[in-house]
Amino acid sequence: MSPLAFAATLAALLISPGPTNTLLALGGAAHGLWRSSGLTIAAVTAYLLVVTPLALFGGNYLQDHALLAGAVKVVAASWVIYLAVRLWQTPPTTGPDRTVTPARIFITTLLNPKGLIIGLAILPATGSLAALLPWLAGLAGIIVVASLLWIAAGATLGRLTESGLPQPLRRGAAGYLGIVALGLVASAL
């Protein structure tokens, strides 16, 4: 894959809605762009921890161990369901919102199915970390840009509502996460 096709494919995937992006937008709505921009570090770190070993070793291993691949999807779905329930139950607040933390972004991103797609299908199977590094650097840059776009969208929405994310929107995000979790469970079965 050419570097341009690689970047375009990654951008399309990473900008699309998902569990990590939903939390990034909620963080932006609750705390604004600048205070939430540090969440990108958690997203980049988690994605790199997932995709690097997958790109180097994972493809053949997961193909040979389908039960393990299914178990990873079920664990990811469980975490997304937990996040959806927390979002649904958390009332709007005028004080600090603790729903979105770097740790939650990190865990959500570790379990995000996009990591599997990137590590197994988009990154080149170079067999060498040195050869993979330029691709990982490009990935990290695209993750930062996509994350900041979601945070900025959430921050804009938060400014428009003046009191953080209203309960109907939080519940809408929770419902979306529930649908993602159901999709993960269905693909695991």
N, C-alpha and C. Protein backbone atom coordinates (compact mmCIF):
# COMPACT_ATOMS: atom_id res chain seq x y z
N MET A 1 0.85 -1.17 0.00
CA MET A 1 0.00 0.00 0.00
C MET A 1 0.90 1.24 0.00
N SER A 2 0.56 2.19 -0.85
CA SER A 2 1.34 3.42 -0.90
C SER A 2 1.09 4.24 0.37
N PRO A 3 2.03 5.13 0.72
CA PRO A 3 1.81 5.96 1.91
C PRO A 3 0.53 6.80 1.84
N LEU A 4 0.17 7.28 0.64
CA LEU A 4 -1.05 8.08 0.51
C LEU A 4 -2.29 7.22 0.74
N ALA A 5 -2.32 6.03 0.17
CA ALA A 5 -3.45 5.12 0.38
C ALA A 5 -3.53 4.70 1.84
N PHE A 6 -2.38 4.46 2.44
CA PHE A 6 -2.30 4.11 3.87
C PHE A 6 -2.92 5.21 4.72
N ALA A 7 -2.50 6.47 4.47
CA ALA A 7 -3.01 7.60 5.24
C ALA A 7 -4.51 7.79 5.03
N ALA A 8 -4.96 7.67 3.80
CA ALA A 8 -6.39 7.86 3.52
C ALA A 8 -7.23 6.76 4.18
N THR A 9 -6.76 5.53 4.12
CA THR A 9 -7.48 4.42 4.73
C THR A 9 -7.55 4.60 6.24
N LEU A 10 -6.41 4.93 6.85
CA LEU A 10 -6.39 5.15 8.30
C LEU A 10 -7.28 6.31 8.71
N ALA A 11 -7.20 7.41 7.97
CA ALA A 11 -8.02 8.58 8.31
C ALA A 11 -9.50 8.23 8.26
N ALA A 12 -9.91 7.51 7.23
CA ALA A 12 -11.32 7.13 7.11
C ALA A 12 -11.74 6.25 8.29
N LEU A 13 -10.90 5.31 8.65
CA LEU A 13 -11.22 4.41 9.75
C LEU A 13 -11.21 5.14 11.09
N LEU A 14 -10.19 5.94 11.34
CA LEU A 14 -10.03 6.57 12.66
C LEU A 14 -10.97 7.75 12.88
N ILE A 15 -11.48 8.33 11.84
CA ILE A 15 -12.43 9.43 11.99
C ILE A 15 -13.86 8.90 12.16
N SER A 16 -14.08 7.66 11.77
CA SER A 16 -15.43 7.10 11.89
C SER A 16 -15.80 6.93 13.36
N PRO A 17 -17.10 7.03 13.66
CA PRO A 17 -17.54 6.89 15.06
C PRO A 17 -17.17 5.52 15.64
N GLY A 18 -16.93 5.51 16.90
CA GLY A 18 -16.60 4.29 17.62
C GLY A 18 -16.51 4.58 19.10
N PRO A 19 -16.18 3.59 19.90
CA PRO A 19 -16.15 3.78 21.34
C PRO A 19 -15.13 4.83 21.80
N THR A 20 -13.93 4.77 21.26
CA THR A 20 -12.90 5.74 21.66
C THR A 20 -13.32 7.15 21.25
N ASN A 21 -13.78 7.30 20.01
CA ASN A 21 -14.17 8.63 19.53
C ASN A 21 -15.37 9.19 20.30
N THR A 22 -16.28 8.33 20.70
CA THR A 22 -17.42 8.77 21.50
C THR A 22 -16.92 9.34 22.83
N LEU A 23 -16.00 8.64 23.47
CA LEU A 23 -15.46 9.14 24.74
C LEU A 23 -14.66 10.41 24.55
N LEU A 24 -13.90 10.50 23.46
CA LEU A 24 -13.13 11.73 23.20
C LEU A 24 -14.07 12.92 23.04
N ALA A 25 -15.17 12.74 22.31
CA ALA A 25 -16.14 13.83 22.14
C ALA A 25 -16.77 14.20 23.48
N LEU A 26 -17.10 13.21 24.29
CA LEU A 26 -17.66 13.50 25.61
C LEU A 26 -16.66 14.24 26.49
N GLY A 27 -15.39 13.86 26.40
CA GLY A 27 -14.35 14.58 27.15
C GLY A 27 -14.25 16.02 26.69
N GLY A 28 -14.29 16.24 25.38
CA GLY A 28 -14.26 17.60 24.86
C GLY A 28 -15.45 18.42 25.31
N ALA A 29 -16.65 17.80 25.34
CA ALA A 29 -17.85 18.50 25.78
C ALA A 29 -17.76 18.86 27.26
N ALA A 30 -17.18 17.98 28.05
CA ALA A 30 -17.12 18.21 29.49
C ALA A 30 -16.02 19.18 29.88
N HIS A 31 -14.88 19.14 29.18
CA HIS A 31 -13.72 19.89 29.65
C HIS A 31 -13.12 20.86 28.64
N GLY A 32 -13.62 20.87 27.41
CA GLY A 32 -13.08 21.76 26.40
C GLY A 32 -11.90 21.14 25.67
N LEU A 33 -11.52 21.79 24.58
CA LEU A 33 -10.47 21.27 23.70
C LEU A 33 -9.12 21.17 24.40
N TRP A 34 -8.67 22.23 25.02
CA TRP A 34 -7.31 22.24 25.56
C TRP A 34 -7.16 21.30 26.75
N ARG A 35 -8.13 21.29 27.64
CA ARG A 35 -8.03 20.40 28.80
C ARG A 35 -8.19 18.94 28.43
N SER A 36 -8.84 18.65 27.32
CA SER A 36 -9.05 17.27 26.90
C SER A 36 -8.01 16.79 25.89
N SER A 37 -7.19 17.69 25.38
CA SER A 37 -6.24 17.29 24.33
C SER A 37 -5.25 16.23 24.81
N GLY A 38 -4.98 16.18 26.10
CA GLY A 38 -4.08 15.15 26.64
C GLY A 38 -4.63 13.74 26.50
N LEU A 39 -5.93 13.61 26.27
CA LEU A 39 -6.53 12.29 26.07
C LEU A 39 -5.96 11.61 24.82
N THR A 40 -5.43 12.41 23.90
CA THR A 40 -4.86 11.83 22.68
C THR A 40 -3.66 10.94 23.01
N ILE A 41 -2.93 11.27 24.06
CA ILE A 41 -1.77 10.45 24.45
C ILE A 41 -2.21 9.04 24.81
N ALA A 42 -3.30 8.94 25.55
CA ALA A 42 -3.82 7.62 25.93
C ALA A 42 -4.25 6.85 24.69
N ALA A 43 -4.89 7.52 23.74
CA ALA A 43 -5.36 6.84 22.52
C ALA A 43 -4.17 6.36 21.68
N VAL A 44 -3.19 7.22 21.48
CA VAL A 44 -2.01 6.85 20.67
C VAL A 44 -1.27 5.68 21.32
N THR A 45 -1.03 5.78 22.62
CA THR A 45 -0.30 4.72 23.32
C THR A 45 -1.01 3.38 23.21
N ALA A 46 -2.32 3.39 23.45
CA ALA A 46 -3.07 2.13 23.40
C ALA A 46 -3.08 1.55 21.99
N TYR A 47 -3.33 2.37 20.98
CA TYR A 47 -3.33 1.85 19.62
C TYR A 47 -1.97 1.24 19.26
N LEU A 48 -0.89 1.93 19.61
CA LEU A 48 0.43 1.41 19.27
C LEU A 48 0.73 0.11 20.01
N LEU A 49 0.27 0.00 21.25
CA LEU A 49 0.47 -1.25 22.00
C LEU A 49 -0.29 -2.41 21.38
N VAL A 50 -1.42 -2.13 20.76
CA VAL A 50 -2.20 -3.19 20.12
C VAL A 50 -1.66 -3.52 18.73
N VAL A 51 -1.46 -2.51 17.92
CA VAL A 51 -1.18 -2.77 16.51
C VAL A 51 0.24 -3.27 16.24
N THR A 52 1.20 -2.86 17.06
CA THR A 52 2.58 -3.26 16.79
C THR A 52 2.76 -4.78 16.85
N PRO A 53 2.39 -5.44 17.95
CA PRO A 53 2.55 -6.90 17.94
C PRO A 53 1.65 -7.60 16.91
N LEU A 54 0.47 -7.03 16.66
CA LEU A 54 -0.40 -7.64 15.64
C LEU A 54 0.25 -7.58 14.27
N ALA A 55 0.82 -6.42 13.94
CA ALA A 55 1.45 -6.28 12.62
C ALA A 55 2.69 -7.17 12.51
N LEU A 56 3.40 -7.34 13.61
CA LEU A 56 4.62 -8.14 13.55
C LEU A 56 4.36 -9.64 13.62
N PHE A 57 3.39 -10.06 14.46
CA PHE A 57 3.22 -11.49 14.71
C PHE A 57 1.77 -11.99 14.65
N GLY A 58 0.81 -11.10 14.79
CA GLY A 58 -0.55 -11.50 15.10
C GLY A 58 -1.37 -12.18 14.03
N GLY A 59 -1.19 -11.81 12.79
CA GLY A 59 -2.07 -12.33 11.75
C GLY A 59 -2.17 -13.84 11.73
N ASN A 60 -1.06 -14.50 11.64
CA ASN A 60 -1.07 -15.96 11.59
C ASN A 60 -1.57 -16.57 12.89
N TYR A 61 -1.19 -15.98 14.01
CA TYR A 61 -1.58 -16.54 15.30
C TYR A 61 -3.10 -16.51 15.49
N LEU A 62 -3.71 -15.37 15.22
CA LEU A 62 -5.16 -15.26 15.40
C LEU A 62 -5.93 -16.10 14.39
N GLN A 63 -5.37 -16.26 13.20
CA GLN A 63 -6.03 -17.14 12.23
C GLN A 63 -6.03 -18.58 12.72
N ASP A 64 -4.96 -18.98 13.39
CA ASP A 64 -4.84 -20.34 13.91
C ASP A 64 -5.61 -20.54 15.22
N HIS A 65 -5.99 -19.46 15.89
CA HIS A 65 -6.66 -19.53 17.19
C HIS A 65 -7.93 -18.69 17.16
N ALA A 66 -8.91 -19.15 16.42
CA ALA A 66 -10.17 -18.40 16.25
C ALA A 66 -10.90 -18.19 17.57
N LEU A 67 -10.77 -19.14 18.49
CA LEU A 67 -11.42 -19.00 19.79
C LEU A 67 -10.87 -17.80 20.55
N LEU A 68 -9.58 -17.59 20.48
CA LEU A 68 -8.96 -16.43 21.12
C LEU A 68 -9.45 -15.14 20.49
N ALA A 69 -9.54 -15.11 19.18
CA ALA A 69 -10.03 -13.91 18.49
C ALA A 69 -11.46 -13.59 18.94
N GLY A 70 -12.30 -14.62 19.07
CA GLY A 70 -13.67 -14.42 19.55
C GLY A 70 -13.69 -13.93 20.99
N ALA A 71 -12.81 -14.46 21.83
CA ALA A 71 -12.75 -14.04 23.23
C ALA A 71 -12.36 -12.57 23.34
N VAL A 72 -11.43 -12.12 22.50
CA VAL A 72 -11.02 -10.71 22.51
C VAL A 72 -12.23 -9.83 22.18
N LYS A 73 -13.04 -10.25 21.22
CA LYS A 73 -14.23 -9.47 20.85
C LYS A 73 -15.24 -9.42 21.99
N VAL A 74 -15.40 -10.52 22.70
CA VAL A 74 -16.36 -10.56 23.82
C VAL A 74 -15.87 -9.66 24.96
N VAL A 75 -14.57 -9.67 25.24
CA VAL A 75 -14.02 -8.78 26.28
C VAL A 75 -14.23 -7.33 25.87
N ALA A 76 -13.95 -7.02 24.61
CA ALA A 76 -14.16 -5.65 24.12
C ALA A 76 -15.62 -5.24 24.24
N ALA A 77 -16.53 -6.15 23.88
CA ALA A 77 -17.96 -5.85 23.99
C ALA A 77 -18.36 -5.62 25.44
N SER A 78 -17.81 -6.40 26.34
CA SER A 78 -18.12 -6.23 27.77
C SER A 78 -17.71 -4.85 28.26
N TRP A 79 -16.53 -4.40 27.87
CA TRP A 79 -16.05 -3.08 28.28
C TRP A 79 -16.95 -1.99 27.69
N VAL A 80 -17.31 -2.12 26.43
CA VAL A 80 -18.16 -1.11 25.78
C VAL A 80 -19.54 -1.07 26.45
N ILE A 81 -20.06 -2.22 26.83
CA ILE A 81 -21.35 -2.25 27.55
C ILE A 81 -21.20 -1.54 28.89
N TYR A 82 -20.11 -1.78 29.60
CA TYR A 82 -19.86 -1.09 30.87
C TYR A 82 -19.86 0.43 30.66
N LEU A 83 -19.16 0.89 29.62
CA LEU A 83 -19.13 2.33 29.34
C LEU A 83 -20.52 2.87 29.01
N ALA A 84 -21.28 2.11 28.24
CA ALA A 84 -22.63 2.54 27.87
C ALA A 84 -23.51 2.68 29.10
N VAL A 85 -23.43 1.72 30.00
CA VAL A 85 -24.23 1.77 31.23
C VAL A 85 -23.82 2.98 32.07
N ARG A 86 -22.51 3.21 32.19
CA ARG A 86 -22.04 4.38 32.96
C ARG A 86 -22.54 5.68 32.36
N LEU A 87 -22.47 5.80 31.05
CA LEU A 87 -22.96 7.02 30.40
C LEU A 87 -24.46 7.18 30.58
N TRP A 88 -25.19 6.10 30.50
CA TRP A 88 -26.64 6.15 30.63
C TRP A 88 -27.03 6.59 32.04
N GLN A 89 -26.34 6.09 33.04
CA GLN A 89 -26.71 6.33 34.43
C GLN A 89 -26.16 7.63 34.99
N THR A 90 -25.11 8.17 34.40
CA THR A 90 -24.48 9.37 34.95
C THR A 90 -25.32 10.59 34.63
N PRO A 91 -25.79 11.29 35.66
CA PRO A 91 -26.60 12.48 35.39
C PRO A 91 -25.72 13.63 34.90
N PRO A 92 -26.31 14.58 34.17
CA PRO A 92 -25.54 15.77 33.80
C PRO A 92 -25.03 16.44 35.07
N THR A 93 -23.88 17.04 34.96
CA THR A 93 -23.27 17.63 36.14
C THR A 93 -22.78 19.03 35.83
N THR A 94 -22.77 19.87 36.83
CA THR A 94 -22.21 21.20 36.65
C THR A 94 -20.78 21.25 37.18
N GLY A 95 -20.37 20.24 37.93
CA GLY A 95 -19.01 20.16 38.45
C GLY A 95 -18.14 19.35 37.51
N PRO A 96 -16.95 18.95 37.99
CA PRO A 96 -16.06 18.16 37.15
C PRO A 96 -16.70 16.83 36.76
N ASP A 97 -16.60 16.49 35.48
CA ASP A 97 -17.15 15.25 34.97
C ASP A 97 -16.04 14.21 34.94
N ARG A 98 -16.22 13.12 35.66
CA ARG A 98 -15.21 12.06 35.77
C ARG A 98 -15.53 10.88 34.85
N THR A 99 -16.49 11.04 33.94
CA THR A 99 -16.86 9.95 33.05
C THR A 99 -15.72 9.60 32.11
N VAL A 100 -15.04 10.60 31.60
CA VAL A 100 -13.97 10.38 30.63
C VAL A 100 -12.63 10.69 31.30
N THR A 101 -11.82 9.65 31.41
CA THR A 101 -10.49 9.79 31.99
C THR A 101 -9.47 9.20 31.01
N PRO A 102 -8.20 9.57 31.16
CA PRO A 102 -7.19 8.94 30.30
C PRO A 102 -7.19 7.41 30.43
N ALA A 103 -7.42 6.90 31.63
CA ALA A 103 -7.44 5.44 31.81
C ALA A 103 -8.58 4.81 31.03
N ARG A 104 -9.75 5.44 31.01
CA ARG A 104 -10.88 4.88 30.25
C ARG A 104 -10.62 4.97 28.75
N ILE A 105 -10.02 6.06 28.32
CA ILE A 105 -9.65 6.17 26.90
C ILE A 105 -8.66 5.06 26.55
N PHE A 106 -7.67 4.85 27.41
CA PHE A 106 -6.63 3.84 27.17
C PHE A 106 -7.24 2.44 27.06
N ILE A 107 -8.05 2.06 28.04
CA ILE A 107 -8.64 0.72 28.03
C ILE A 107 -9.59 0.55 26.85
N THR A 108 -10.41 1.56 26.61
CA THR A 108 -11.35 1.49 25.49
C THR A 108 -10.61 1.33 24.17
N THR A 109 -9.53 2.06 24.01
CA THR A 109 -8.75 1.98 22.78
C THR A 109 -8.04 0.63 22.67
N LEU A 110 -7.53 0.12 23.77
CA LEU A 110 -6.92 -1.22 23.74
C LEU A 110 -7.90 -2.26 23.23
N LEU A 111 -9.16 -2.11 23.61
CA LEU A 111 -10.19 -3.09 23.25
C LEU A 111 -10.95 -2.72 21.98
N ASN A 112 -10.60 -1.60 21.38
CA ASN A 112 -11.31 -1.12 20.19
C ASN A 112 -11.02 -2.04 19.00
N PRO A 113 -12.05 -2.53 18.32
CA PRO A 113 -11.82 -3.39 17.16
C PRO A 113 -11.03 -2.72 16.04
N LYS A 114 -11.01 -1.40 16.02
CA LYS A 114 -10.22 -0.72 14.99
C LYS A 114 -8.75 -1.10 15.08
N GLY A 115 -8.26 -1.36 16.31
CA GLY A 115 -6.87 -1.77 16.48
C GLY A 115 -6.58 -3.08 15.75
N LEU A 116 -7.52 -4.00 15.82
CA LEU A 116 -7.35 -5.28 15.11
C LEU A 116 -7.28 -5.05 13.60
N ILE A 117 -8.17 -4.19 13.11
CA ILE A 117 -8.20 -3.91 11.67
C ILE A 117 -6.88 -3.27 11.24
N ILE A 118 -6.42 -2.30 12.01
CA ILE A 118 -5.18 -1.60 11.65
C ILE A 118 -4.00 -2.57 11.70
N GLY A 119 -3.89 -3.33 12.80
CA GLY A 119 -2.74 -4.21 12.98
C GLY A 119 -2.71 -5.39 12.02
N LEU A 120 -3.88 -5.89 11.65
CA LEU A 120 -3.93 -7.10 10.83
C LEU A 120 -4.17 -6.83 9.35
N ALA A 121 -4.76 -5.70 9.02
CA ALA A 121 -5.14 -5.48 7.63
C ALA A 121 -4.53 -4.23 6.99
N ILE A 122 -4.22 -3.21 7.77
CA ILE A 122 -3.77 -1.96 7.16
C ILE A 122 -2.26 -1.79 7.24
N LEU A 123 -1.68 -2.05 8.40
CA LEU A 123 -0.22 -1.94 8.52
C LEU A 123 0.44 -3.03 7.69
N PRO A 124 1.55 -2.70 7.04
CA PRO A 124 2.23 -3.74 6.27
C PRO A 124 2.87 -4.78 7.19
N ALA A 125 2.82 -6.02 6.78
CA ALA A 125 3.45 -7.11 7.54
C ALA A 125 4.93 -7.14 7.16
N THR A 126 5.70 -6.28 7.80
CA THR A 126 7.11 -6.14 7.45
C THR A 126 7.98 -7.22 8.08
N GLY A 127 7.54 -7.75 9.22
CA GLY A 127 8.35 -8.74 9.92
C GLY A 127 9.50 -8.12 10.69
N SER A 128 9.63 -6.81 10.62
CA SER A 128 10.74 -6.12 11.28
C SER A 128 10.22 -4.83 11.90
N LEU A 129 10.57 -4.62 13.16
CA LEU A 129 10.15 -3.40 13.84
C LEU A 129 10.75 -2.17 13.17
N ALA A 130 12.01 -2.25 12.76
CA ALA A 130 12.66 -1.11 12.11
C ALA A 130 11.92 -0.71 10.83
N ALA A 131 11.49 -1.68 10.06
CA ALA A 131 10.76 -1.38 8.83
C ALA A 131 9.35 -0.88 9.12
N LEU A 132 8.80 -1.24 10.27
CA LEU A 132 7.44 -0.85 10.63
C LEU A 132 7.38 0.55 11.24
N LEU A 133 8.49 1.03 11.79
CA LEU A 133 8.50 2.32 12.51
C LEU A 133 7.97 3.50 11.70
N PRO A 134 8.35 3.70 10.44
CA PRO A 134 7.78 4.84 9.71
C PRO A 134 6.25 4.76 9.58
N TRP A 135 5.73 3.56 9.41
CA TRP A 135 4.28 3.36 9.31
C TRP A 135 3.62 3.66 10.66
N LEU A 136 4.26 3.25 11.75
CA LEU A 136 3.73 3.53 13.08
C LEU A 136 3.74 5.03 13.38
N ALA A 137 4.77 5.73 12.92
CA ALA A 137 4.83 7.18 13.11
C ALA A 137 3.67 7.86 12.37
N GLY A 138 3.42 7.43 11.13
CA GLY A 138 2.28 7.97 10.39
C GLY A 138 0.97 7.67 11.08
N LEU A 139 0.83 6.46 11.58
CA LEU A 139 -0.37 6.08 12.33
C LEU A 139 -0.56 6.98 13.53
N ALA A 140 0.50 7.20 14.30
CA ALA A 140 0.40 8.04 15.50
C ALA A 140 -0.07 9.45 15.14
N GLY A 141 0.47 10.00 14.06
CA GLY A 141 0.06 11.34 13.64
C GLY A 141 -1.40 11.41 13.26
N ILE A 142 -1.88 10.40 12.56
CA ILE A 142 -3.29 10.37 12.14
C ILE A 142 -4.20 10.17 13.35
N ILE A 143 -3.76 9.37 14.32
CA ILE A 143 -4.55 9.19 15.55
C ILE A 143 -4.69 10.52 16.28
N VAL A 144 -3.61 11.28 16.37
CA VAL A 144 -3.67 12.58 17.05
C VAL A 144 -4.67 13.50 16.36
N VAL A 145 -4.59 13.59 15.04
CA VAL A 145 -5.48 14.48 14.29
C VAL A 145 -6.94 14.04 14.46
N ALA A 146 -7.21 12.74 14.29
CA ALA A 146 -8.59 12.25 14.42
C ALA A 146 -9.12 12.48 15.84
N SER A 147 -8.27 12.21 16.83
CA SER A 147 -8.69 12.41 18.23
C SER A 147 -9.01 13.87 18.51
N LEU A 148 -8.16 14.76 18.03
CA LEU A 148 -8.40 16.19 18.26
C LEU A 148 -9.66 16.67 17.55
N LEU A 149 -9.96 16.10 16.38
CA LEU A 149 -11.20 16.47 15.70
C LEU A 149 -12.42 16.08 16.53
N TRP A 150 -12.40 14.87 17.11
CA TRP A 150 -13.52 14.43 17.95
C TRP A 150 -13.61 15.26 19.23
N ILE A 151 -12.49 15.56 19.82
CA ILE A 151 -12.49 16.39 21.03
C ILE A 151 -13.03 17.78 20.70
N ALA A 152 -12.58 18.35 19.58
CA ALA A 152 -13.05 19.68 19.17
C ALA A 152 -14.55 19.67 18.89
N ALA A 153 -15.05 18.62 18.26
CA ALA A 153 -16.49 18.53 18.01
C ALA A 153 -17.25 18.49 19.33
N GLY A 154 -16.76 17.69 20.27
CA GLY A 154 -17.40 17.63 21.59
C GLY A 154 -17.30 18.96 22.32
N ALA A 155 -16.15 19.61 22.23
CA ALA A 155 -15.98 20.91 22.90
C ALA A 155 -16.93 21.95 22.33
N THR A 156 -17.11 21.94 21.01
CA THR A 156 -18.05 22.87 20.37
C THR A 156 -19.46 22.61 20.87
N LEU A 157 -19.84 21.36 20.93
CA LEU A 157 -21.17 21.00 21.43
C LEU A 157 -21.32 21.41 22.89
N GLY A 158 -20.28 21.17 23.68
CA GLY A 158 -20.31 21.55 25.09
C GLY A 158 -20.48 23.05 25.28
N ARG A 159 -19.81 23.85 24.43
CA ARG A 159 -19.95 25.31 24.51
C ARG A 159 -21.35 25.75 24.12
N LEU A 160 -21.92 25.08 23.14
CA LEU A 160 -23.26 25.45 22.69
C LEU A 160 -24.31 25.17 23.75
N THR A 161 -24.09 24.12 24.54
CA THR A 161 -25.08 23.77 25.56
C THR A 161 -24.78 24.44 26.89
N GLU A 162 -23.57 24.98 27.06
CA GLU A 162 -23.13 25.74 28.23
C GLU A 162 -23.12 24.97 29.55
N SER A 163 -23.63 23.78 29.61
CA SER A 163 -23.61 23.05 30.88
C SER A 163 -23.14 21.62 30.68
N GLY A 164 -22.19 21.43 29.74
CA GLY A 164 -21.74 20.09 29.46
C GLY A 164 -22.70 19.40 28.52
N LEU A 165 -22.55 18.14 28.38
CA LEU A 165 -23.38 17.38 27.46
C LEU A 165 -24.72 17.07 28.10
N PRO A 166 -25.83 17.48 27.48
CA PRO A 166 -27.14 17.22 28.05
C PRO A 166 -27.43 15.71 28.12
N GLN A 167 -28.29 15.35 29.07
CA GLN A 167 -28.60 13.95 29.29
C GLN A 167 -29.09 13.23 28.03
N PRO A 168 -29.94 13.82 27.20
CA PRO A 168 -30.35 13.09 25.99
C PRO A 168 -29.17 12.73 25.07
N LEU A 169 -28.20 13.64 24.96
CA LEU A 169 -27.04 13.33 24.13
C LEU A 169 -26.15 12.28 24.78
N ARG A 170 -26.01 12.34 26.10
CA ARG A 170 -25.23 11.31 26.81
C ARG A 170 -25.90 9.95 26.61
N ARG A 171 -27.21 9.93 26.69
CA ARG A 171 -27.93 8.66 26.52
C ARG A 171 -27.87 8.20 25.06
N GLY A 172 -27.85 9.15 24.14
CA GLY A 172 -27.67 8.78 22.74
C GLY A 172 -26.30 8.14 22.51
N ALA A 173 -25.27 8.73 23.12
CA ALA A 173 -23.93 8.15 23.03
C ALA A 173 -23.90 6.77 23.68
N ALA A 174 -24.60 6.62 24.81
CA ALA A 174 -24.67 5.32 25.48
C ALA A 174 -25.37 4.29 24.58
N GLY A 175 -26.44 4.71 23.93
CA GLY A 175 -27.14 3.81 23.02
C GLY A 175 -26.27 3.39 21.85
N TYR A 176 -25.50 4.35 21.32
CA TYR A 176 -24.59 4.03 20.23
C TYR A 176 -23.55 3.01 20.68
N LEU A 177 -22.99 3.21 21.87
CA LEU A 177 -22.01 2.25 22.39
C LEU A 177 -22.65 0.88 22.58
N GLY A 178 -23.90 0.84 23.00
CA GLY A 178 -24.60 -0.43 23.13
C GLY A 178 -24.73 -1.16 21.80
N ILE A 179 -25.01 -0.41 20.74
CA ILE A 179 -25.11 -1.00 19.41
C ILE A 179 -23.74 -1.54 18.97
N VAL A 180 -22.68 -0.78 19.25
CA VAL A 180 -21.32 -1.26 18.92
C VAL A 180 -21.04 -2.56 19.66
N ALA A 181 -21.40 -2.62 20.95
CA ALA A 181 -21.17 -3.84 21.74
C ALA A 181 -21.93 -5.03 21.17
N LEU A 182 -23.16 -4.82 20.76
CA LEU A 182 -23.94 -5.90 20.15
C LEU A 182 -23.30 -6.39 18.86
N GLY A 183 -22.78 -5.47 18.08
CA GLY A 183 -22.07 -5.86 16.86
C GLY A 183 -20.84 -6.70 17.15
N LEU A 184 -20.11 -6.33 18.21
CA LEU A 184 -18.93 -7.11 18.60
C LEU A 184 -19.32 -8.53 19.03
N VAL A 185 -20.38 -8.61 19.83
CA VAL A 185 -20.83 -9.93 20.29
C VAL A 185 -21.28 -10.77 19.09
N ALA A 186 -22.02 -10.17 18.17
CA ALA A 186 -22.49 -10.89 17.00
C ALA A 186 -21.32 -11.39 16.14
N SER A 187 -20.28 -10.56 15.99
CA SER A 187 -19.15 -10.99 15.18
C SER A 187 -18.32 -12.05 15.88
N ALA A 188 -18.37 -12.10 17.22
CA ALA A 188 -17.63 -13.12 17.97
C ALA A 188 -18.33 -14.47 17.86
N LEU A 189 -19.65 -14.44 17.71
CA LEU A 189 -20.40 -15.70 17.63
C LEU A 189 -20.42 -16.16 16.19
